[in-house]
Structure formats: C-alpha cells, structure tokens
C-alpha atoms as a PDB file:
ATOM      1  CA  MET A   1      11.549   7.173  11.161  1.00  0.00           C
ATOM      2  CA  PRO A   2       9.857   8.162   7.903  1.00  0.00           C
ATOM      3  CA  VAL A   3       8.264   4.754   7.237  1.00  0.00           C
ATOM      4  CA  SER A   4       6.484   2.133   9.318  1.00  0.00           C
ATOM      5  CA  VAL A   5       4.334  -0.936   8.755  1.00  0.00           C
ATOM      6  CA  ASP A   6       2.225  -3.049  11.087  1.00  0.00           C
ATOM      7  CA  TRP A   7      -1.154  -4.705  11.508  1.00  0.00           C
ATOM      8  CA  ALA A   8      -3.967  -2.146  11.723  1.00  0.00           C
ATOM      9  CA  ASN A   9      -6.405  -4.445  13.517  1.00  0.00           C
ATOM     10  CA  PRO A  10      -6.333  -7.469  15.831  1.00  0.00           C
ATOM     11  CA  GLU A  11      -8.024  -9.653  13.178  1.00  0.00           C
ATOM     12  CA  LYS A  12      -4.960  -9.169  10.950  1.00  0.00           C
ATOM     13  CA  THR A  13      -7.035  -8.254   7.900  1.00  0.00           C
ATOM     14  CA  ILE A  14      -5.506  -4.797   7.338  1.00  0.00           C
ATOM     15  CA  VAL A  15      -1.869  -3.725   7.144  1.00  0.00           C
ATOM     16  CA  MET A  16      -1.080  -0.055   7.749  1.00  0.00           C
ATOM     17  CA  GLN A  17       1.907   1.455   5.975  1.00  0.00           C
ATOM     18  CA  ARG A  18       2.860   5.016   6.942  1.00  0.00           C
ATOM     19  CA  ILE A  19       5.238   7.062   4.824  1.00  0.00           C
ATOM     20  CA  ASP A  20       6.220  10.390   6.326  1.00  0.00           C
ATOM     21  CA  GLY A  21       8.407  13.269   5.149  1.00  0.00           C
ATOM     22  CA  GLN A  22      11.443  12.363   3.076  1.00  0.00           C
ATOM     23  CA  TRP A  23      12.006   8.655   2.554  1.00  0.00           C
ATOM     24  CA  SER A  24      14.306   6.503   0.470  1.00  0.00           C
ATOM     25  CA  MET A  25      13.692   3.629  -1.883  1.00  0.00           C
ATOM     26  CA  ALA A  26      15.541   1.377   0.583  1.00  0.00           C
ATOM     27  CA  GLU A  27      13.012   2.347   3.256  1.00  0.00           C
ATOM     28  CA  PHE A  28      10.156   1.751   0.824  1.00  0.00           C
ATOM     29  CA  TYR A  29      11.520  -1.725  -0.020  1.00  0.00           C
ATOM     30  CA  ASP A  30      11.686  -2.455   3.705  1.00  0.00           C
ATOM     31  CA  VAL A  31       7.977  -1.573   3.977  1.00  0.00           C
ATOM     32  CA  VAL A  32       7.143  -3.830   1.021  1.00  0.00           C
ATOM     33  CA  GLN A  33       9.161  -6.723   2.489  1.00  0.00           C
ATOM     34  CA  LYS A  34       7.720  -6.313   5.996  1.00  0.00           C
ATOM     35  CA  SER A  35       4.187  -6.193   4.560  1.00  0.00           C
ATOM     36  CA  ALA A  36       4.826  -9.391   2.595  1.00  0.00           C
ATOM     37  CA  GLN A  37       6.140 -11.042   5.761  1.00  0.00           C
ATOM     38  CA  LEU A  38       3.018 -10.022   7.692  1.00  0.00           C
ATOM     39  CA  LEU A  39       0.711 -11.307   4.950  1.00  0.00           C
ATOM     40  CA  ALA A  40       2.601 -14.622   4.900  1.00  0.00           C
ATOM     41  CA  THR A  41       1.560 -15.245   8.512  1.00  0.00           C
ATOM     42  CA  VAL A  42      -2.153 -15.494   7.630  1.00  0.00           C
ATOM     43  CA  ASP A  43      -4.129 -17.385   5.004  1.00  0.00           C
ATOM     44  CA  HIS A  44      -6.987 -14.940   4.499  1.00  0.00           C
ATOM     45  CA  PRO A  45      -7.177 -11.853   2.233  1.00  0.00           C
ATOM     46  CA  VAL A  46      -5.467  -8.743   3.598  1.00  0.00           C
ATOM     47  CA  ASP A  47      -6.031  -5.139   2.569  1.00  0.00           C
ATOM     48  CA  ILE A  48      -3.241  -2.570   2.730  1.00  0.00           C
ATOM     49  CA  ILE A  49      -3.664   1.078   3.642  1.00  0.00           C
ATOM     50  CA  VAL A  50      -0.767   3.329   2.641  1.00  0.00           C
ATOM     51  CA  ASP A  51      -0.843   6.659   4.472  1.00  0.00           C
ATOM     52  CA  LEU A  52       0.846   9.272   2.280  1.00  0.00           C
ATOM     53  CA  SER A  53      -0.899  12.214   3.918  1.00  0.00           C
ATOM     54  CA  THR A  54       2.250  13.564   5.578  1.00  0.00           C
ATOM     55  CA  THR A  55       4.659  13.387   2.638  1.00  0.00           C
ATOM     56  CA  ASN A  56       5.077  15.397  -0.533  1.00  0.00           C
ATOM     57  CA  PHE A  57       8.277  13.559  -1.371  1.00  0.00           C
ATOM     58  CA  VAL A  58       9.055  11.006  -4.068  1.00  0.00           C
ATOM     59  CA  PRO A  59      12.558   9.481  -4.076  1.00  0.00           C
ATOM     60  CA  GLN A  60      14.629   9.068  -7.175  1.00  0.00           C
ATOM     61  CA  GLY A  61      14.230   5.628  -8.749  1.00  0.00           C
ATOM     62  CA  VAL A  62      10.620   5.099  -7.681  1.00  0.00           C
ATOM     63  CA  ILE A  63       9.516   3.986 -11.168  1.00  0.00           C
ATOM     64  CA  SER A  64      12.280   1.389 -11.442  1.00  0.00           C
ATOM     65  CA  GLY A  65      11.162   0.047  -8.069  1.00  0.00           C
ATOM     66  CA  ALA A  66       7.906  -1.230  -9.561  1.00  0.00           C
ATOM     67  CA  ASN A  67       9.489  -4.496 -10.723  1.00  0.00           C
ATOM     68  CA  LYS A  68      10.885  -5.246  -7.281  1.00  0.00           C
ATOM     69  CA  THR A  69       7.505  -4.488  -5.727  1.00  0.00           C
ATOM     70  CA  GLU A  70       5.721  -6.694  -8.255  1.00  0.00           C
ATOM     71  CA  SER A  71       7.891  -9.692  -7.415  1.00  0.00           C
ATOM     72  CA  THR A  72       6.981  -9.544  -3.700  1.00  0.00           C
ATOM     73  CA  VAL A  73       3.170  -9.376  -3.932  1.00  0.00           C
ATOM     74  CA  PRO A  74       1.708 -12.109  -1.704  1.00  0.00           C
ATOM     75  CA  PRO A  75      -1.226 -14.104  -3.126  1.00  0.00           C
ATOM     76  CA  ASN A  76      -3.529 -12.949  -0.311  1.00  0.00           C
ATOM     77  CA  GLN A  77      -2.985  -9.225  -0.912  1.00  0.00           C
ATOM     78  CA  ARG A  78      -6.285  -7.613  -1.881  1.00  0.00           C
ATOM     79  CA  LEU A  79      -6.989  -3.866  -1.853  1.00  0.00           C
ATOM     80  CA  VAL A  80      -4.210  -1.287  -1.737  1.00  0.00           C
ATOM     81  CA  ILE A  81      -5.642   2.043  -0.620  1.00  0.00           C
ATOM     82  CA  PHE A  82      -3.575   5.222  -0.703  1.00  0.00           C
ATOM     83  CA  VAL A  83      -4.676   7.887   1.773  1.00  0.00           C
ATOM     84  CA  GLY A  84      -3.812  11.520   1.101  1.00  0.00           C
ATOM     85  CA  ALA A  85      -1.783  10.901  -2.053  1.00  0.00           C
ATOM     86  CA  LYS A  86      -0.732  14.086  -3.822  1.00  0.00           C
ATOM     87  CA  MET A  87      -1.202  14.461  -7.599  1.00  0.00           C
ATOM     88  CA  MET A  88       2.467  13.546  -8.136  1.00  0.00           C
ATOM     89  CA  HIS A  89       1.984  10.302  -6.171  1.00  0.00           C
ATOM     90  CA  LYS A  90      -1.196   9.479  -8.100  1.00  0.00           C
ATOM     91  CA  LEU A  91       0.501   9.961 -11.469  1.00  0.00           C
ATOM     92  CA  LEU A  92       3.457   7.772 -10.523  1.00  0.00           C
ATOM     93  CA  LEU A  93       1.247   5.120  -8.942  1.00  0.00           C
ATOM     94  CA  SER A  94      -0.953   5.050 -12.043  1.00  0.00           C
ATOM     95  CA  LEU A  95       2.141   4.479 -14.152  1.00  0.00           C
ATOM     96  CA  GLY A  96       3.213   1.823 -11.672  1.00  0.00           C
ATOM     97  CA  LYS A  97      -0.093   0.067 -12.301  1.00  0.00           C
ATOM     98  CA  ARG A  98       1.104  -0.645 -15.831  1.00  0.00           C
ATOM     99  CA  LEU A  99       4.570  -1.738 -14.694  1.00  0.00           C
ATOM    100  CA  ALA A 100       3.444  -3.780 -11.691  1.00  0.00           C
ATOM    101  CA  PRO A 101      -0.121  -4.953 -12.389  1.00  0.00           C
ATOM    102  CA  ARG A 102      -0.292  -7.550  -9.590  1.00  0.00           C
ATOM    103  CA  ALA A 103       0.900  -5.020  -7.026  1.00  0.00           C
ATOM    104  CA  ALA A 104      -1.658  -2.441  -8.118  1.00  0.00           C
ATOM    105  CA  THR A 105      -4.639  -4.455  -9.353  1.00  0.00           C
ATOM    106  CA  HIS A 106      -6.976  -3.149  -6.665  1.00  0.00           C
ATOM    107  CA  GLN A 107      -5.391   0.264  -6.175  1.00  0.00           C
ATOM    108  CA  HIS A 108      -7.596   3.053  -4.817  1.00  0.00           C
ATOM    109  CA  PHE A 109      -7.106   6.671  -3.747  1.00  0.00           C
ATOM    110  CA  VAL A 110      -8.967   8.317  -0.870  1.00  0.00           C
ATOM    111  CA  GLU A 111      -8.447  11.441   1.208  1.00  0.00           C
ATOM    112  CA  THR A 112      -9.077  10.151   4.747  1.00  0.00           C
ATOM    113  CA  MET A 113      -8.629   7.051   6.895  1.00  0.00           C
ATOM    114  CA  GLU A 114     -12.394   6.952   7.363  1.00  0.00           C
ATOM    115  CA  GLU A 115     -12.822   6.685   3.589  1.00  0.00           C
ATOM    116  CA  ALA A 116     -10.197   3.922   3.459  1.00  0.00           C
ATOM    117  CA  ASN A 117     -11.948   1.897   6.142  1.00  0.00           C
ATOM    118  CA  GLY A 118     -15.327   2.514   4.490  1.00  0.00           C
ATOM    119  CA  LEU A 119     -13.995   1.280   1.153  1.00  0.00           C
ATOM    120  CA  ILE A 120     -12.688  -1.894   2.801  1.00  0.00           C
ATOM    121  CA  GLU A 121     -16.031  -2.508   4.535  1.00  0.00           C
ATOM    122  CA  HIS A 122     -17.916  -1.918   1.273  1.00  0.00           C
ATOM    123  CA  PHE A 123     -15.637  -4.284  -0.672  1.00  0.00           C
ATOM    124  CA  ARG A 124     -15.945  -6.999   1.982  1.00  0.00           C
ATOM    125  CA  ALA A 125     -19.739  -6.687   2.017  1.00  0.00           C
ATOM    126  CA  GLU A 126     -19.802  -7.132  -1.774  1.00  0.00           C
ATOM    127  CA  GLN A 127     -17.569 -10.214  -1.511  1.00  0.00           C
ATOM    128  CA  ALA A 128     -19.703 -11.865   1.186  1.00  0.00           C
END
C-alpha cells in the first residue's frame, strides 16, 4: 500500500502519514480524511509528519486537490512537517500554501525524522 496514516505516539500528539512510491489522489484524500478522523478523537493540538522520503511521484490533479484538503483541516491541527520532500514536492506544496492556507499555515520541510521530531519539540517548548 503506497499510503498509510496512524498515531505516531501513545500520547496522540503526532500523526504519521507515509506516502510511498506511486500513489493516487484518491489515496491521498483517504490519508487526509483518516488524519482528520484521528484528530477529531482528541481535543489537544496535533502535529502531522508526512514522510515523502520514499516517493518521487506526484499524481495528476494534485493542485486541484488543495481545496478539498483545505475543507477538512481540523481546528486542532498544528504543524505539518514534510520529511524528505523532493524539489518538485516543495514547489507544489508552496503553491498549495496559497491555495489552502489553513492546511499549510505551519508547513515545514526537513530531511530526516529526527529533524521532524526536533522541530516539534522546539515548537512545543516555545509554546509552553
């Protein structure tokens, strides 16, 4: 399966989305919906890590998907951290930031999972 989503920790403060190989917009929408469902089960802020490190693919229609993504952003979504995004992903996600500002307000790019977790820890420390 090229996509998956689940809690990354027992505290339910981080959701891990993995996107691998070739994937479709339908699969991406499933990830967005499942993430929203997970976030709806808690009342505290949740950060999302999107692991793109094992895909070079971008499906057709990804830009038009920004509106659908924007309409499903839960109020407790906080950081969205993309791990291993290629330049093509970064360009499209930056454009998506204009089309779906709520979905990408706190969008960040890092190269490793360690950097993603460090960014979350740093952000939480600043918020405390």
